[in-house]
Protein backbone atom coordinates (compact mmCIF):
# COMPACT_ATOMS: atom_id res chain seq x y z
CA MET A 1 10.12 20.39 -0.07
CA ILE A 2 10.36 16.62 -0.69
CA PHE A 3 8.76 17.02 -4.13
CA GLN A 4 11.19 19.84 -5.00
CA TYR A 5 14.08 17.63 -3.88
CA PHE A 6 12.86 14.85 -6.18
CA GLN A 7 12.57 17.42 -8.98
CA SER A 8 16.28 18.23 -8.75
CA ASN A 9 18.08 18.36 -12.07
CA SER A 10 21.00 16.35 -10.68
CA GLU A 11 21.51 13.25 -12.80
CA SER A 12 22.81 11.22 -9.87
CA VAL A 13 19.75 12.08 -7.76
CA THR A 14 17.43 11.06 -10.60
CA ASN A 15 19.29 7.76 -11.01
CA GLY A 16 19.05 7.19 -7.27
CA ILE A 17 15.30 7.79 -7.30
CA CYS A 18 14.86 5.31 -10.16
CA ALA A 19 16.90 2.74 -8.25
CA LEU A 20 14.71 3.30 -5.17
CA LEU A 21 11.60 2.78 -7.30
CA ALA A 22 13.06 -0.49 -8.58
CA LEU A 23 13.78 -1.68 -5.03
CA ALA A 24 10.30 -0.56 -3.97
CA SER A 25 8.76 -2.64 -6.77
CA VAL A 26 10.61 -5.75 -5.54
CA LYS A 27 9.53 -5.05 -1.96
CA MET A 28 5.91 -4.49 -2.99
CA TYR A 29 5.79 -7.75 -4.91
CA SER A 30 7.39 -9.75 -2.10
CA SER A 31 4.90 -8.34 0.43
CA PHE A 32 1.93 -8.82 -1.93
CA ASP A 33 -0.21 -11.84 -1.03
CA PHE A 34 -1.06 -13.31 -4.42
CA HIS A 35 -4.32 -15.29 -4.61
CA CYS A 36 -5.38 -16.62 -8.00
CA PRO A 37 -9.19 -16.69 -8.41
CA CYS A 38 -8.94 -20.21 -9.93
CA LEU A 39 -11.81 -19.51 -12.30
CA ALA A 40 -11.44 -20.20 -16.00
CA LYS A 41 -12.96 -16.85 -16.99
CA TYR A 42 -10.83 -14.71 -14.68
CA ASN A 43 -7.47 -16.43 -14.28
CA MET A 44 -5.83 -14.90 -17.35
CA ALA A 45 -7.19 -11.39 -16.69
CA TYR A 46 -6.05 -11.48 -13.06
CA GLY A 47 -2.62 -12.99 -13.72
CA LEU A 48 -1.76 -10.65 -16.61
CA GLY A 49 -3.25 -7.70 -14.73
CA ILE A 50 -0.94 -8.25 -11.75
CA MET A 51 1.96 -8.67 -14.16
CA PHE A 52 1.43 -5.54 -16.27
CA ILE A 53 -0.81 -2.99 -14.46
CA PRO A 54 1.58 -2.17 -11.58
CA PRO A 55 4.43 -1.55 -14.08
CA VAL A 56 2.25 1.10 -15.75
CA ALA A 57 1.85 2.85 -12.39
CA LEU A 58 5.59 2.56 -11.70
CA PHE A 59 6.35 3.96 -15.17
CA LEU A 60 4.15 7.00 -14.51
CA CYS A 61 5.84 7.48 -11.11
CA GLY A 62 9.19 7.39 -12.87
CA LEU A 63 8.03 10.19 -15.17
CA ILE A 64 6.61 12.26 -12.30
CA VAL A 65 9.79 12.28 -10.21
CA ASN A 66 11.98 13.10 -13.22
CA ARG A 67 12.20 16.88 -13.62
CA GLN A 68 13.65 16.50 -17.11
CA PHE A 69 10.33 15.08 -18.32
CA VAL A 70 8.56 18.41 -17.75
CA VAL A 71 11.50 20.34 -19.21
CA MET A 72 11.39 18.15 -22.33
CA LEU A 73 7.66 18.76 -22.82
CA GLU A 74 8.09 22.51 -22.36
CA GLU A 75 10.91 22.56 -24.90
CA TRP A 76 8.86 20.53 -27.36
CA LYS A 77 5.70 22.66 -27.10
CA ARG A 78 7.23 26.12 -26.72
CA PRO A 79 6.88 28.67 -29.55
CA THR A 80 9.96 28.96 -31.74
CA GLY A 81 10.49 32.70 -31.24
CA ASP A 82 14.09 33.86 -31.62
CA ARG A 83 15.48 30.44 -30.67
CA LYS A 84 15.15 27.50 -33.04
CA LYS A 85 14.14 24.08 -31.77
CA ASN A 86 16.58 21.21 -32.07
CA LEU A 87 14.76 17.91 -32.46
CA ALA A 88 17.95 15.98 -31.68
CA ILE A 89 18.01 17.53 -28.20
CA ILE A 90 14.35 16.66 -27.62
CA ARG A 91 14.94 13.07 -28.77
CA TYR A 92 17.96 12.78 -26.47
CA MET A 93 15.97 14.08 -23.48
CA CYS A 94 13.05 11.78 -24.31
CA SER A 95 15.36 8.77 -24.53
CA SER A 96 17.00 9.64 -21.22
CA VAL A 97 13.64 10.09 -19.48
CA LEU A 98 12.17 6.85 -20.85
CA GLN A 99 15.24 4.79 -19.97
CA ARG A 100 15.09 5.89 -16.34
CA ALA A 101 11.30 5.51 -16.10
CA MET A 102 11.45 1.96 -17.48
CA ILE A 103 13.78 0.60 -14.80
CA ALA A 104 11.14 -0.08 -12.11
CA PRO A 105 8.51 -1.56 -14.48
CA VAL A 106 11.06 -3.92 -16.05
CA VAL A 107 12.20 -5.06 -12.60
CA TRP A 108 8.59 -5.80 -11.61
CA ILE A 109 7.95 -7.84 -14.78
CA LEU A 110 11.20 -9.78 -14.35
CA VAL A 111 10.40 -10.58 -10.72
CA THR A 112 6.91 -11.81 -11.60
CA LEU A 113 8.24 -13.99 -14.43
CA LEU A 114 11.00 -15.51 -12.33
CA ASP A 115 8.57 -16.16 -9.48
CA GLY A 116 6.05 -17.79 -11.83
CA LYS A 117 2.84 -17.40 -9.80
CA CYS A 118 1.22 -14.88 -12.15
CA PHE A 119 2.19 -16.88 -15.21
CA VAL A 120 0.78 -20.12 -13.77
CA CYS A 121 -2.46 -18.36 -12.86
CA ALA A 122 -2.81 -16.68 -16.27
CA PHE A 123 -2.08 -19.70 -18.49
CA SER A 124 -3.18 -22.68 -16.44
CA SER A 125 -6.36 -23.01 -18.54
CA SER A 126 -4.33 -22.92 -21.77
CA VAL A 127 -2.29 -26.05 -21.09
CA ASP A 128 -2.86 -29.10 -23.27
CA PRO A 129 -4.05 -31.82 -20.81
CA ASP A 130 -2.92 -34.59 -23.16
CA LYS A 131 0.69 -33.79 -22.24
CA PHE A 132 0.01 -34.96 -18.68
CA PRO A 133 -1.31 -38.54 -18.56
CA GLY A 134 -3.56 -39.19 -15.62
CA PHE A 135 -4.64 -35.58 -15.20
CA VAL A 136 -8.03 -36.28 -16.80
CA THR A 137 -9.73 -39.32 -18.26
CA ASN A 138 -10.96 -39.71 -21.80
CA ILE A 139 -14.57 -39.43 -20.74
CA THR A 140 -14.10 -36.11 -18.91
CA PRO A 141 -16.14 -33.32 -20.62
CA TYR A 142 -14.26 -30.34 -22.04
CA ASN A 143 -15.84 -27.87 -19.60
CA GLU A 144 -14.80 -30.03 -16.70
CA VAL A 145 -11.25 -30.23 -18.06
CA GLN A 146 -11.07 -26.42 -18.23
CA ARG A 147 -12.42 -26.20 -14.71
CA LEU A 148 -9.78 -28.60 -13.41
CA LEU A 149 -6.99 -26.76 -15.22
CA SER A 150 -8.12 -23.43 -13.77
CA LYS A 151 -7.76 -24.98 -10.30
CA VAL A 152 -4.06 -25.82 -10.81
CA PRO A 153 -2.78 -22.66 -9.01
CA CYS A 154 -4.98 -23.50 -5.97
CA LYS A 155 -3.30 -26.55 -4.46
CA ASP A 156 -5.73 -26.70 -1.53
CA ASP A 157 -8.86 -26.83 -3.69
CA GLU A 158 -10.95 -29.96 -3.13
CA LEU A 159 -11.31 -30.74 -6.85
CA ILE A 160 -7.58 -31.02 -7.50
CA ARG A 161 -6.03 -31.62 -4.08
CA ASN A 162 -5.53 -35.34 -4.72
CA ASN A 163 -4.61 -35.03 -8.39
CA THR A 164 -1.06 -36.30 -8.83
CA SER A 165 -0.52 -34.39 -12.08
CA ARG A 166 -1.29 -30.96 -10.65
CA LYS A 167 2.32 -30.40 -9.58
CA ALA A 168 3.54 -31.42 -13.02
CA VAL A 169 1.32 -28.84 -14.71
CA SER A 170 2.40 -26.17 -12.24
CA ARG A 171 6.11 -26.98 -12.71
CA TYR A 172 5.65 -26.97 -16.49
CA LEU A 173 4.17 -23.44 -16.46
CA LYS A 174 6.78 -22.19 -13.97
CA CYS A 175 9.56 -23.44 -16.23
CA TRP A 176 8.11 -21.49 -19.14
CA SER A 177 7.71 -18.40 -16.96
CA GLN A 178 11.30 -18.52 -15.74
CA ALA A 179 12.54 -19.20 -19.26
CA PHE A 180 10.78 -16.05 -20.48
CA GLY A 181 12.14 -14.09 -17.52
CA TRP A 182 15.76 -15.09 -18.08
CA SER A 183 15.38 -14.52 -21.83
CA VAL A 184 14.12 -10.98 -21.24
CA LEU A 185 16.93 -10.29 -18.78
CA LEU A 186 19.56 -11.65 -21.18
CA THR A 187 18.13 -9.58 -24.05
CA LEU A 188 18.26 -6.39 -21.97
CA ILE A 189 21.86 -7.10 -20.94
CA VAL A 190 22.88 -7.69 -24.56
CA ILE A 191 21.15 -4.48 -25.69
CA ALA A 192 22.87 -2.49 -22.94
CA PHE A 193 26.24 -4.04 -23.82
CA LEU A 194 25.84 -3.24 -27.51
CA ALA A 195 24.73 0.31 -26.74
CA ARG A 196 27.83 0.89 -24.60
CA SER A 197 30.20 -0.84 -26.98
CA LEU A 198 28.98 0.64 -30.25
CA ARG A 199 28.50 4.22 -29.08
CA PRO A 200 32.18 5.16 -29.62
CA CYS A 201 31.78 4.02 -33.23
CA PHE A 202 29.42 6.89 -33.97
CA ASN A 203 30.07 10.63 -34.10
CA GLN A 204 30.98 11.62 -30.54
CA ALA A 205 30.97 15.35 -31.35
CA THR A 206 27.25 15.24 -32.13
CA PHE A 207 26.58 13.31 -28.94
CA LEU A 208 28.54 15.80 -26.83
CA GLN A 209 26.73 18.74 -28.42
CA THR A 210 23.32 17.16 -27.83
CA ARG A 211 24.13 16.34 -24.22
CA TYR A 212 25.55 19.82 -23.59
CA TRP A 213 22.47 21.64 -24.87
CA SER A 214 20.05 19.29 -23.12
CA ASN A 215 21.83 20.08 -19.85
CA TYR A 216 21.74 23.77 -20.76
CA ILE A 217 17.96 23.74 -21.20
CA ASP A 218 17.53 22.04 -17.84
CA ILE A 219 19.86 24.42 -16.00
CA GLU A 220 18.43 27.48 -17.76
CA GLN A 221 14.94 26.62 -16.54
CA LYS A 222 16.18 26.12 -12.99
CA ILE A 223 18.06 29.46 -12.96
CA PHE A 224 15.00 31.19 -14.45
CA ASP A 225 12.83 29.80 -11.63
CA GLU A 226 15.35 30.98 -9.02
CA THR A 227 15.51 34.43 -10.60
CA CYS A 228 11.71 34.62 -10.65
CA CYS A 229 11.68 33.82 -6.93
CA GLU A 230 14.14 36.67 -6.23
CA HIS A 231 12.12 39.01 -8.43
CA THR A 232 8.87 37.99 -6.72
CA ARG A 233 10.38 38.54 -3.28
CA ASP A 234 11.51 42.06 -4.18
CA PHE A 235 8.18 42.87 -5.82
CA ALA A 236 6.22 41.64 -2.78
CA HIS A 237 8.53 43.53 -0.43
CA LYS A 238 8.04 46.81 -2.28
CA CYS A 239 4.28 46.28 -2.61
CA ILE A 240 3.98 45.79 1.15
CA LEU A 241 6.10 48.87 1.85
CA HIS A 242 4.00 50.89 -0.58
CA PHE A 243 0.83 49.69 1.15
CA PHE A 244 2.03 50.78 4.57
CA GLU A 245 3.37 54.05 3.23
CA SER A 246 0.07 54.91 1.58
CA MET A 247 -2.07 53.80 4.55
CA GLN A 248 -0.03 55.11 7.45
CA LYS A 249 3.20 56.99 6.78
CA GLU A 250 3.81 57.35 10.48
CA ILE A 251 4.59 53.62 10.77
CA LYS A 252 7.43 53.94 8.34
CA ARG A 253 8.73 57.09 10.05
CA ARG A 254 8.83 55.43 13.45
CA ARG A 255 10.45 52.34 11.98
CA PHE A 256 13.29 54.30 10.40
CA HIS A 257 13.77 56.38 13.56
CA ALA A 258 14.01 53.24 15.68
CA HIS A 259 16.45 51.56 13.23
CA PRO A 260 18.36 54.29 11.44
CA GLY A 261 20.95 51.88 10.01
CA LYS A 262 18.43 49.76 8.13
CA GLU A 263 17.67 52.36 5.48
CA GLU A 264 21.32 52.74 4.60
CA GLY A 265 21.73 48.97 4.36
CA LYS A 266 18.75 48.62 2.06
CA GLU A 267 20.07 51.19 -0.32
CA GLY A 268 23.01 48.93 -1.06
CA GLU A 269 20.86 45.85 -1.71
CA LYS A 270 20.54 44.57 -5.25
CA ASP A 271 17.29 45.51 -6.92
CA HIS A 272 15.93 42.72 -9.12
CA LEU A 273 12.90 44.67 -10.33
CA GLN A 274 14.82 46.86 -12.82
CA GLY A 275 12.04 49.41 -13.27
CA ILE A 276 9.07 47.01 -13.20
CA SER A 277 6.33 48.48 -11.05
CA SER A 278 2.99 46.85 -12.02
CA GLN A 279 1.36 43.49 -12.53
CA GLU A 280 0.80 44.20 -16.23
CA GLN A 281 4.52 44.76 -16.77
CA VAL A 282 5.39 41.51 -15.00
CA ASN A 283 2.85 39.57 -17.09
CA LYS A 284 4.24 41.06 -20.31
CA LEU A 285 7.77 40.21 -19.24
CA LEU A 286 6.88 36.56 -18.57
CA GLN A 287 4.92 36.40 -21.81
CA SER A 288 7.96 37.68 -23.70
CA TRP A 289 10.14 34.98 -22.12
CA TYR A 290 7.70 32.26 -23.16
CA TYR A 291 7.01 33.42 -26.71
CA SER A 292 10.43 34.80 -27.59
CA LYS A 293 13.33 33.32 -25.68
CA PRO A 294 16.62 35.10 -26.41
CA PRO A 295 18.87 33.47 -29.03
CA LEU A 296 21.88 31.48 -27.86
CA ASP A 297 24.39 34.02 -29.13
CA LEU A 298 26.59 35.99 -26.74
CA SER A 299 29.07 37.24 -29.34
CA GLY A 300 27.95 40.87 -29.09
CA GLY A 301 28.60 43.26 -26.26
CA THR A 302 24.98 43.19 -25.18
CA GLN A 303 22.09 40.85 -25.54
CA ARG A 304 18.81 42.56 -26.28
CA TRP A 305 15.48 40.96 -25.58
CA HIS A 306 12.86 41.62 -28.26
CA PRO A 307 9.38 41.04 -26.85
CA GLN A 308 6.29 40.09 -28.79
CA PRO A 309 4.14 42.78 -30.46
CA GLY A 310 2.14 44.69 -27.86
CA THR A 311 4.85 44.34 -25.21
CA THR A 312 6.33 47.64 -24.07
CA ILE A 313 9.30 46.27 -22.14
CA THR A 314 12.79 46.05 -23.60
CA ARG A 315 15.32 44.45 -21.31
CA GLN A 316 19.04 44.84 -21.89
CA THR A 317 21.50 42.64 -20.07
CA ASP A 318 25.24 43.23 -19.91
CA VAL A 319 27.32 40.23 -20.82
């Protein structure tokens, strides 16, 4: 039930879920106890891994909870049939899905850059020691210099605890990290501002049409799933009744004698089966929907469904 709620086609719900993922990423990072290995061979891999691997997981989570992602893939891969594919609609849906899925990963990366710990750990061995007089002496071997630089994130390490230049190296790397973080944030804000400001300059009719039909595809799939549930319920109900009727007709007789009003009430219920009475017919009906969706044209008095060759069902729906 929770997964179905997350799969809702409501745009506000999807935006809310993406916002929750972004807040969850901030909470996860703040509760994460970061410990740099302080080894020249592993510092960069560990620091960059913490900076970029969790955003990949958050990006995939953003795709999973967005129902429109599955709808977009189904629309992209479906056979053409009687309904042509519109690549503009698919591009619009893809853009919408990616924008929402990127919120949490971008927040994680910004938080790590502004905090600076991952950046200091990843690039401590890449700093030029000549920029910090007193950090090493001229007679210090290169391997020893790299070892000392890799210990910069670990302030309690014995090798660098008493080194007065350690804080200067750490502050230098944190400044670069925060500069990158604010630059990325400013760039994203400028891009969002330009996208909002320049959109009215383009053809709004095309945008409205694309948005309308992307919403139509989403809602059509949801209504089809609901109709399939109603159809399945009726089919299961009649199969169970048929089983009891064929196995023991007396059960049905006693049931109708005990509740005489039920039979009259059931006669007035809506029948969703419309003449379908076997598993083969249901499979052919679903196959026809997948391979040959009806065209988006309701101008006639009726809309006839033309199934694929080999399908013996013709469904006619009043408009």
